[in-house]
Amino acid sequence: MVMMTGSLAVRGTVVWLTPQQGGRVSGPPEPDYDYDYTATAYLPPRSAEDGQAGLSLRRFAPGAWRTPAEGILVPPKGHRAQQVVPGNIVVITEGIRPVGLLTVEEVHALAPDGSAVIERAPEVEITGLTAIKTPDTDAPYRHSTAATRWSSHERAGAS
């Protein structure tokens, strides 16, 4: 789980909407090797009006209606944090018009220099269980289930 308080690297599968579904009239985008496809996007339950983020996609099959893709999500300044996990659907928009859906399969926080932030959450012993705490952030919004995950702890020598 990652809180979108800064830029995120995502990997997943994109499905482009057909013109009959309200998607791009010209069909799926066909970027060349020099440019990524850039657009706007949002994660439900937010909408294009209240939660638009920047999106850049690359490494997808040009002209394909369904294809694996990699991208970067950049939230607008001043918006509340939002939980992003594998399985989320990112609605890709051009303006406020939905043109595609990206199913998130992998997500990583990015440092200001663009490198991936990979942190091991600290573990705290609590009566036979190990609590894995999420790092503290300045985010004003946190999903209630995002605060702590629990995992069983095997004790050495226990039978």
N, C-alpha and C. Protein backbone atom coordinates (compact mmCIF):
# COMPACT_ATOMS: atom_id res chain seq x y z
N MET A 1 0.84 -1.17 0.00
CA MET A 1 0.00 0.00 0.00
C MET A 1 0.89 1.24 0.00
N VAL A 2 0.53 2.21 -0.79
CA VAL A 2 1.26 3.47 -0.85
C VAL A 2 0.24 4.60 -0.79
N MET A 3 0.56 5.63 -0.02
CA MET A 3 -0.30 6.81 0.01
C MET A 3 0.21 7.78 -1.05
N MET A 4 -0.67 8.24 -1.93
CA MET A 4 -0.28 9.17 -2.97
C MET A 4 -0.22 10.58 -2.38
N THR A 5 0.94 10.90 -1.80
CA THR A 5 1.20 12.25 -1.31
C THR A 5 2.23 12.91 -2.21
N GLY A 6 2.86 12.12 -3.06
CA GLY A 6 3.83 12.58 -4.04
C GLY A 6 3.71 11.70 -5.26
N SER A 7 4.65 11.79 -6.18
CA SER A 7 4.58 11.01 -7.41
C SER A 7 4.72 9.51 -7.13
N LEU A 8 4.01 8.71 -7.92
CA LEU A 8 4.04 7.26 -7.80
C LEU A 8 4.37 6.62 -9.14
N ALA A 9 5.19 5.59 -9.12
CA ALA A 9 5.42 4.77 -10.30
C ALA A 9 4.41 3.63 -10.24
N VAL A 10 3.70 3.39 -11.33
CA VAL A 10 2.71 2.32 -11.37
C VAL A 10 2.96 1.43 -12.59
N ARG A 11 2.56 0.18 -12.45
CA ARG A 11 2.60 -0.76 -13.55
C ARG A 11 1.27 -1.49 -13.54
N GLY A 12 0.74 -1.76 -14.73
CA GLY A 12 -0.54 -2.45 -14.78
C GLY A 12 -0.97 -2.70 -16.21
N THR A 13 -2.27 -2.85 -16.39
CA THR A 13 -2.85 -3.09 -17.70
C THR A 13 -3.82 -1.97 -18.02
N VAL A 14 -3.66 -1.39 -19.21
CA VAL A 14 -4.54 -0.32 -19.63
C VAL A 14 -5.51 -0.86 -20.69
N VAL A 15 -6.77 -0.47 -20.55
CA VAL A 15 -7.81 -0.78 -21.53
C VAL A 15 -8.35 0.56 -22.02
N TRP A 16 -8.22 0.81 -23.32
CA TRP A 16 -8.70 2.06 -23.91
C TRP A 16 -10.17 1.93 -24.27
N LEU A 17 -10.97 2.94 -23.97
CA LEU A 17 -12.38 2.94 -24.32
C LEU A 17 -12.54 3.17 -25.81
N THR A 18 -13.51 2.51 -26.40
CA THR A 18 -13.78 2.71 -27.83
C THR A 18 -14.50 4.04 -28.02
N PRO A 19 -14.53 4.56 -29.25
CA PRO A 19 -15.28 5.79 -29.48
C PRO A 19 -16.76 5.66 -29.09
N GLN A 20 -17.34 4.47 -29.27
CA GLN A 20 -18.73 4.24 -28.89
C GLN A 20 -18.92 4.31 -27.38
N GLN A 21 -17.87 4.04 -26.61
CA GLN A 21 -17.93 4.11 -25.15
C GLN A 21 -17.56 5.50 -24.64
N GLY A 22 -17.30 6.42 -25.55
CA GLY A 22 -16.93 7.78 -25.18
C GLY A 22 -15.44 8.03 -25.16
N GLY A 23 -14.65 7.05 -25.62
CA GLY A 23 -13.20 7.16 -25.63
C GLY A 23 -12.69 8.02 -26.79
N ARG A 24 -11.40 7.88 -27.05
CA ARG A 24 -10.74 8.65 -28.10
C ARG A 24 -11.32 8.31 -29.47
N VAL A 25 -11.66 9.33 -30.26
CA VAL A 25 -12.18 9.12 -31.61
C VAL A 25 -11.12 8.46 -32.49
N SER A 26 -9.86 8.80 -32.27
CA SER A 26 -8.77 8.25 -33.08
C SER A 26 -8.30 6.88 -32.60
N GLY A 27 -8.94 6.33 -31.56
CA GLY A 27 -8.55 5.03 -31.04
C GLY A 27 -7.40 5.13 -30.06
N PRO A 28 -6.80 3.99 -29.69
CA PRO A 28 -5.71 4.00 -28.72
C PRO A 28 -4.55 4.89 -29.18
N PRO A 29 -3.87 5.54 -28.24
CA PRO A 29 -2.76 6.41 -28.63
C PRO A 29 -1.60 5.63 -29.25
N GLU A 30 -0.83 6.32 -30.07
CA GLU A 30 0.33 5.72 -30.72
C GLU A 30 1.55 6.60 -30.52
N PRO A 31 2.06 6.68 -29.26
CA PRO A 31 3.25 7.51 -29.02
C PRO A 31 4.46 6.90 -29.72
N ASP A 32 5.42 7.75 -30.05
CA ASP A 32 6.64 7.21 -30.63
C ASP A 32 7.68 7.02 -29.54
N TYR A 33 8.88 6.62 -29.91
CA TYR A 33 9.91 6.31 -28.92
C TYR A 33 10.41 7.53 -28.16
N ASP A 34 10.24 8.72 -28.71
CA ASP A 34 10.74 9.94 -28.06
C ASP A 34 9.78 10.52 -27.03
N TYR A 35 8.50 10.14 -27.06
CA TYR A 35 7.51 10.76 -26.19
C TYR A 35 6.65 9.74 -25.49
N ASP A 36 6.29 10.05 -24.24
CA ASP A 36 5.33 9.24 -23.50
C ASP A 36 3.95 9.82 -23.76
N TYR A 37 2.92 9.01 -23.52
CA TYR A 37 1.54 9.51 -23.59
C TYR A 37 1.26 10.21 -22.27
N THR A 38 0.85 11.46 -22.31
CA THR A 38 0.51 12.20 -21.10
C THR A 38 -0.95 12.60 -21.13
N ALA A 39 -1.57 12.55 -19.97
CA ALA A 39 -3.00 12.88 -19.84
C ALA A 39 -3.26 13.22 -18.38
N THR A 40 -4.52 13.26 -18.03
CA THR A 40 -4.93 13.43 -16.65
C THR A 40 -5.61 12.13 -16.22
N ALA A 41 -5.81 11.97 -14.92
CA ALA A 41 -6.42 10.74 -14.41
C ALA A 41 -6.97 11.00 -13.02
N TYR A 42 -7.79 10.07 -12.54
CA TYR A 42 -8.26 10.12 -11.16
C TYR A 42 -8.53 8.70 -10.68
N LEU A 43 -8.51 8.55 -9.35
CA LEU A 43 -8.83 7.27 -8.73
C LEU A 43 -10.18 7.40 -8.04
N PRO A 44 -11.17 6.59 -8.47
CA PRO A 44 -12.44 6.61 -7.76
C PRO A 44 -12.23 6.28 -6.29
N PRO A 45 -12.97 6.82 -5.35
CA PRO A 45 -14.24 7.51 -5.52
C PRO A 45 -14.11 8.98 -5.91
N ARG A 46 -12.90 9.47 -6.07
CA ARG A 46 -12.77 10.85 -6.56
C ARG A 46 -13.25 10.91 -7.99
N SER A 47 -13.33 12.13 -8.53
CA SER A 47 -13.80 12.31 -9.90
C SER A 47 -12.86 13.25 -10.63
N ALA A 48 -13.12 13.46 -11.90
CA ALA A 48 -12.30 14.38 -12.70
C ALA A 48 -12.39 15.80 -12.15
N GLU A 49 -13.50 16.14 -11.51
CA GLU A 49 -13.68 17.49 -10.97
C GLU A 49 -12.95 17.71 -9.65
N ASP A 50 -12.80 16.64 -8.82
CA ASP A 50 -12.23 16.87 -7.49
C ASP A 50 -10.96 16.07 -7.18
N GLY A 51 -10.44 15.31 -8.13
CA GLY A 51 -9.27 14.50 -7.80
C GLY A 51 -8.33 14.24 -8.94
N GLN A 52 -8.30 15.13 -9.92
CA GLN A 52 -7.47 14.89 -11.09
C GLN A 52 -5.98 14.95 -10.76
N ALA A 53 -5.24 13.99 -11.30
CA ALA A 53 -3.79 13.92 -11.16
C ALA A 53 -3.20 13.90 -12.57
N GLY A 54 -1.91 14.17 -12.65
CA GLY A 54 -1.23 14.04 -13.93
C GLY A 54 -0.85 12.59 -14.15
N LEU A 55 -0.78 12.15 -15.40
CA LEU A 55 -0.43 10.77 -15.73
C LEU A 55 0.46 10.76 -16.96
N SER A 56 1.50 9.96 -16.90
CA SER A 56 2.37 9.73 -18.05
C SER A 56 2.51 8.23 -18.20
N LEU A 57 2.21 7.70 -19.40
CA LEU A 57 2.30 6.25 -19.65
C LEU A 57 3.39 5.97 -20.68
N ARG A 58 4.05 4.82 -20.51
CA ARG A 58 5.05 4.37 -21.48
C ARG A 58 5.07 2.85 -21.49
N ARG A 59 5.84 2.32 -22.40
CA ARG A 59 6.02 0.87 -22.55
C ARG A 59 4.69 0.15 -22.72
N PHE A 60 3.82 0.72 -23.55
CA PHE A 60 2.58 0.03 -23.90
C PHE A 60 2.55 -0.14 -25.41
N ALA A 61 1.78 -1.11 -25.87
CA ALA A 61 1.73 -1.39 -27.30
C ALA A 61 0.93 -0.30 -28.01
N PRO A 62 1.59 0.47 -28.89
CA PRO A 62 0.87 1.52 -29.62
C PRO A 62 -0.29 0.95 -30.43
N GLY A 63 -1.45 1.58 -30.32
CA GLY A 63 -2.62 1.17 -31.08
C GLY A 63 -3.38 -0.01 -30.50
N ALA A 64 -2.90 -0.64 -29.41
CA ALA A 64 -3.58 -1.79 -28.82
C ALA A 64 -4.70 -1.34 -27.89
N TRP A 65 -5.82 -2.02 -27.93
CA TRP A 65 -6.96 -1.66 -27.08
C TRP A 65 -6.74 -2.10 -25.64
N ARG A 66 -5.95 -3.17 -25.44
CA ARG A 66 -5.62 -3.67 -24.09
C ARG A 66 -4.14 -4.02 -24.11
N THR A 67 -3.38 -3.48 -23.15
CA THR A 67 -1.94 -3.69 -23.16
C THR A 67 -1.32 -3.43 -21.79
N PRO A 68 -0.24 -4.13 -21.44
CA PRO A 68 0.50 -3.77 -20.23
C PRO A 68 1.10 -2.38 -20.41
N ALA A 69 1.27 -1.65 -19.31
CA ALA A 69 1.83 -0.30 -19.38
C ALA A 69 2.52 0.04 -18.07
N GLU A 70 3.44 1.00 -18.13
CA GLU A 70 4.08 1.58 -16.96
C GLU A 70 3.79 3.06 -16.98
N GLY A 71 3.74 3.67 -15.80
CA GLY A 71 3.46 5.09 -15.78
C GLY A 71 3.85 5.77 -14.50
N ILE A 72 3.61 7.06 -14.49
CA ILE A 72 3.84 7.89 -13.31
C ILE A 72 2.57 8.68 -13.04
N LEU A 73 2.09 8.63 -11.80
CA LEU A 73 0.95 9.43 -11.34
C LEU A 73 1.49 10.58 -10.52
N VAL A 74 1.07 11.80 -10.83
CA VAL A 74 1.53 12.99 -10.11
C VAL A 74 0.31 13.74 -9.59
N PRO A 75 0.09 13.73 -8.25
CA PRO A 75 -1.09 14.42 -7.72
C PRO A 75 -0.92 15.93 -7.81
N PRO A 76 -2.02 16.66 -7.96
CA PRO A 76 -1.92 18.12 -7.97
C PRO A 76 -1.54 18.63 -6.59
N LYS A 77 -0.86 19.76 -6.54
CA LYS A 77 -0.43 20.34 -5.28
C LYS A 77 -1.65 20.70 -4.42
N GLY A 78 -1.56 20.38 -3.13
CA GLY A 78 -2.62 20.76 -2.21
C GLY A 78 -3.75 19.76 -2.08
N HIS A 79 -3.74 18.64 -2.86
CA HIS A 79 -4.81 17.64 -2.71
C HIS A 79 -4.48 16.67 -1.60
N ARG A 80 -5.51 16.14 -0.98
CA ARG A 80 -5.33 15.17 0.09
C ARG A 80 -4.71 13.88 -0.45
N ALA A 81 -4.02 13.17 0.43
CA ALA A 81 -3.42 11.89 0.07
C ALA A 81 -4.51 10.89 -0.29
N GLN A 82 -4.16 9.92 -1.09
CA GLN A 82 -5.09 8.88 -1.47
C GLN A 82 -4.36 7.55 -1.51
N GLN A 83 -4.98 6.51 -0.97
CA GLN A 83 -4.38 5.19 -0.92
C GLN A 83 -4.37 4.58 -2.32
N VAL A 84 -3.22 4.06 -2.74
CA VAL A 84 -3.09 3.40 -4.03
C VAL A 84 -2.53 2.00 -3.78
N VAL A 85 -3.26 0.98 -4.20
CA VAL A 85 -2.86 -0.41 -4.00
C VAL A 85 -3.10 -1.19 -5.28
N PRO A 86 -2.38 -2.32 -5.44
CA PRO A 86 -2.68 -3.18 -6.58
C PRO A 86 -4.16 -3.53 -6.58
N GLY A 87 -4.76 -3.47 -7.74
CA GLY A 87 -6.19 -3.71 -7.88
C GLY A 87 -6.98 -2.43 -8.10
N ASN A 88 -6.40 -1.27 -7.74
CA ASN A 88 -7.08 0.01 -8.00
C ASN A 88 -7.28 0.20 -9.49
N ILE A 89 -8.33 0.90 -9.83
CA ILE A 89 -8.58 1.30 -11.21
C ILE A 89 -8.32 2.80 -11.30
N VAL A 90 -7.44 3.19 -12.22
CA VAL A 90 -7.16 4.59 -12.49
C VAL A 90 -7.93 4.95 -13.76
N VAL A 91 -8.79 5.96 -13.69
CA VAL A 91 -9.54 6.39 -14.85
C VAL A 91 -8.69 7.42 -15.59
N ILE A 92 -8.32 7.10 -16.82
CA ILE A 92 -7.50 7.99 -17.65
C ILE A 92 -8.43 8.94 -18.38
N THR A 93 -8.14 10.24 -18.29
CA THR A 93 -9.02 11.23 -18.90
C THR A 93 -8.23 12.15 -19.83
N GLU A 94 -8.91 12.70 -20.78
CA GLU A 94 -8.40 13.80 -21.59
C GLU A 94 -9.38 14.92 -21.30
N GLY A 95 -8.93 15.90 -20.52
CA GLY A 95 -9.85 16.88 -19.96
C GLY A 95 -10.61 16.17 -18.85
N ILE A 96 -11.93 16.18 -18.92
CA ILE A 96 -12.72 15.42 -17.93
C ILE A 96 -13.34 14.18 -18.54
N ARG A 97 -13.10 13.93 -19.83
CA ARG A 97 -13.68 12.78 -20.55
C ARG A 97 -12.85 11.52 -20.33
N PRO A 98 -13.42 10.46 -19.75
CA PRO A 98 -12.70 9.20 -19.60
C PRO A 98 -12.37 8.59 -20.97
N VAL A 99 -11.11 8.17 -21.14
CA VAL A 99 -10.69 7.56 -22.40
C VAL A 99 -10.06 6.18 -22.19
N GLY A 100 -9.74 5.82 -20.93
CA GLY A 100 -9.14 4.52 -20.66
C GLY A 100 -9.17 4.19 -19.19
N LEU A 101 -8.88 2.93 -18.89
CA LEU A 101 -8.84 2.43 -17.51
C LEU A 101 -7.53 1.69 -17.30
N LEU A 102 -6.80 2.06 -16.26
CA LEU A 102 -5.55 1.40 -15.92
C LEU A 102 -5.77 0.62 -14.63
N THR A 103 -5.63 -0.71 -14.68
CA THR A 103 -5.71 -1.54 -13.49
C THR A 103 -4.31 -1.63 -12.91
N VAL A 104 -4.14 -1.15 -11.68
CA VAL A 104 -2.83 -1.10 -11.04
C VAL A 104 -2.43 -2.50 -10.55
N GLU A 105 -1.24 -2.95 -10.95
CA GLU A 105 -0.72 -4.24 -10.51
C GLU A 105 0.47 -4.07 -9.57
N GLU A 106 1.16 -2.93 -9.67
CA GLU A 106 2.33 -2.67 -8.84
C GLU A 106 2.45 -1.17 -8.64
N VAL A 107 2.85 -0.73 -7.44
CA VAL A 107 2.96 0.69 -7.16
C VAL A 107 4.17 0.95 -6.25
N HIS A 108 4.92 2.02 -6.56
CA HIS A 108 6.09 2.41 -5.77
C HIS A 108 6.10 3.92 -5.62
N ALA A 109 6.44 4.40 -4.44
CA ALA A 109 6.61 5.84 -4.23
C ALA A 109 7.89 6.27 -4.94
N LEU A 110 7.91 7.51 -5.42
CA LEU A 110 9.09 8.06 -6.06
C LEU A 110 9.67 9.18 -5.23
N ALA A 111 10.98 9.21 -5.11
CA ALA A 111 11.68 10.31 -4.44
C ALA A 111 11.67 11.52 -5.38
N PRO A 112 11.94 12.72 -4.86
CA PRO A 112 11.96 13.91 -5.72
C PRO A 112 12.88 13.79 -6.94
N ASP A 113 13.95 12.96 -6.84
CA ASP A 113 14.85 12.79 -7.99
C ASP A 113 14.35 11.74 -8.97
N GLY A 114 13.18 11.13 -8.71
CA GLY A 114 12.59 10.15 -9.61
C GLY A 114 12.96 8.72 -9.31
N SER A 115 13.82 8.48 -8.33
CA SER A 115 14.19 7.12 -7.98
C SER A 115 13.10 6.50 -7.09
N ALA A 116 12.99 5.18 -7.14
CA ALA A 116 11.97 4.49 -6.35
C ALA A 116 12.32 4.53 -4.86
N VAL A 117 11.32 4.74 -4.03
CA VAL A 117 11.50 4.72 -2.59
C VAL A 117 11.05 3.35 -2.11
N ILE A 118 11.99 2.57 -1.60
CA ILE A 118 11.66 1.24 -1.10
C ILE A 118 12.04 1.20 0.36
N GLU A 119 11.03 1.11 1.21
CA GLU A 119 11.26 1.12 2.65
C GLU A 119 10.71 -0.15 3.28
N ARG A 120 11.43 -0.66 4.23
CA ARG A 120 10.94 -1.79 5.04
C ARG A 120 10.29 -1.19 6.27
N ALA A 121 9.03 -1.54 6.48
CA ALA A 121 8.32 -1.00 7.64
C ALA A 121 8.90 -1.57 8.92
N PRO A 122 9.03 -0.74 9.96
CA PRO A 122 9.57 -1.23 11.23
C PRO A 122 8.59 -2.20 11.90
N GLU A 123 9.15 -3.21 12.55
CA GLU A 123 8.32 -4.19 13.24
C GLU A 123 8.38 -3.93 14.74
N VAL A 124 7.25 -4.12 15.42
CA VAL A 124 7.17 -3.92 16.86
C VAL A 124 6.51 -5.15 17.47
N GLU A 125 7.16 -5.76 18.46
CA GLU A 125 6.62 -6.95 19.12
C GLU A 125 5.45 -6.57 20.02
N ILE A 126 4.29 -7.20 19.81
CA ILE A 126 3.11 -6.95 20.64
C ILE A 126 2.47 -8.30 20.95
N THR A 127 2.67 -8.83 22.14
CA THR A 127 2.04 -10.04 22.66
C THR A 127 1.92 -11.15 21.62
N GLY A 128 3.05 -11.60 21.07
CA GLY A 128 3.02 -12.72 20.15
C GLY A 128 2.68 -12.35 18.72
N LEU A 129 2.33 -11.12 18.46
CA LEU A 129 2.05 -10.67 17.09
C LEU A 129 3.08 -9.61 16.72
N THR A 130 3.30 -9.45 15.44
CA THR A 130 4.21 -8.41 14.98
C THR A 130 3.39 -7.37 14.24
N ALA A 131 3.43 -6.13 14.69
CA ALA A 131 2.72 -5.05 14.01
C ALA A 131 3.66 -4.44 12.99
N ILE A 132 3.18 -4.28 11.79
CA ILE A 132 3.98 -3.62 10.76
C ILE A 132 3.37 -2.25 10.56
N LYS A 133 4.05 -1.24 11.04
CA LYS A 133 3.52 0.12 11.00
C LYS A 133 3.88 0.80 9.70
N THR A 134 2.95 1.57 9.16
CA THR A 134 3.25 2.36 7.97
C THR A 134 4.03 3.59 8.39
N PRO A 135 4.92 4.10 7.51
CA PRO A 135 5.69 5.29 7.88
C PRO A 135 4.78 6.49 8.11
N ASP A 136 5.15 7.34 9.08
CA ASP A 136 4.37 8.55 9.33
C ASP A 136 4.52 9.51 8.17
N THR A 137 3.43 10.18 7.81
CA THR A 137 3.47 11.17 6.73
C THR A 137 2.74 12.40 7.19
N ASP A 138 2.86 13.45 6.43
CA ASP A 138 2.14 14.69 6.71
C ASP A 138 0.74 14.66 6.13
N ALA A 139 0.34 13.53 5.57
CA ALA A 139 -0.93 13.45 4.87
C ALA A 139 -2.10 13.72 5.80
N PRO A 140 -3.01 14.61 5.41
CA PRO A 140 -4.17 14.91 6.25
C PRO A 140 -5.24 13.84 6.18
N TYR A 141 -5.16 12.93 5.22
CA TYR A 141 -6.18 11.91 5.04
C TYR A 141 -5.53 10.54 5.08
N ARG A 142 -6.09 9.64 5.85
CA ARG A 142 -5.59 8.27 5.88
C ARG A 142 -6.79 7.34 5.93
N HIS A 143 -6.75 6.33 5.11
CA HIS A 143 -7.80 5.32 5.12
C HIS A 143 -7.74 4.58 6.45
N SER A 144 -8.87 4.28 7.04
CA SER A 144 -8.89 3.69 8.38
C SER A 144 -8.17 2.36 8.45
N THR A 145 -8.17 1.58 7.37
CA THR A 145 -7.50 0.29 7.40
C THR A 145 -6.03 0.39 7.03
N ALA A 146 -5.57 1.59 6.70
CA ALA A 146 -4.19 1.74 6.23
C ALA A 146 -3.19 1.94 7.36
N ALA A 147 -3.65 2.12 8.58
CA ALA A 147 -2.74 2.44 9.68
C ALA A 147 -1.82 1.29 10.06
N THR A 148 -2.34 0.07 10.14
CA THR A 148 -1.51 -1.04 10.59
C THR A 148 -1.96 -2.35 9.96
N ARG A 149 -0.99 -3.18 9.58
CA ARG A 149 -1.28 -4.54 9.13
C ARG A 149 -0.72 -5.49 10.17
N TRP A 150 -1.37 -6.64 10.33
CA TRP A 150 -0.91 -7.60 11.34
C TRP A 150 -0.46 -8.87 10.65
N SER A 151 0.57 -9.45 11.18
CA SER A 151 1.01 -10.75 10.68
C SER A 151 1.39 -11.62 11.89
N SER A 152 1.22 -12.91 11.75
CA SER A 152 1.59 -13.79 12.86
C SER A 152 3.09 -13.84 12.99
N HIS A 153 3.54 -14.05 14.20
CA HIS A 153 4.97 -14.07 14.49
C HIS A 153 5.31 -15.45 15.02
N GLU A 154 6.22 -16.14 14.33
CA GLU A 154 6.64 -17.46 14.81
C GLU A 154 7.77 -17.27 15.80
N ARG A 155 7.59 -17.82 16.97
CA ARG A 155 8.63 -17.73 18.01
C ARG A 155 9.62 -18.87 17.82
N ALA A 156 10.86 -18.54 17.99
CA ALA A 156 11.92 -19.56 17.89
C ALA A 156 11.73 -20.58 18.99
N GLY A 157 11.76 -21.87 18.62
CA GLY A 157 11.66 -22.94 19.61
C GLY A 157 10.24 -23.25 20.03
N ALA A 158 9.23 -22.56 19.48
CA ALA A 158 7.83 -22.85 19.87
C ALA A 158 7.40 -24.16 19.22
N SER A 159 6.60 -24.98 19.96
CA SER A 159 6.14 -26.22 19.38
C SER A 159 4.67 -26.17 19.11
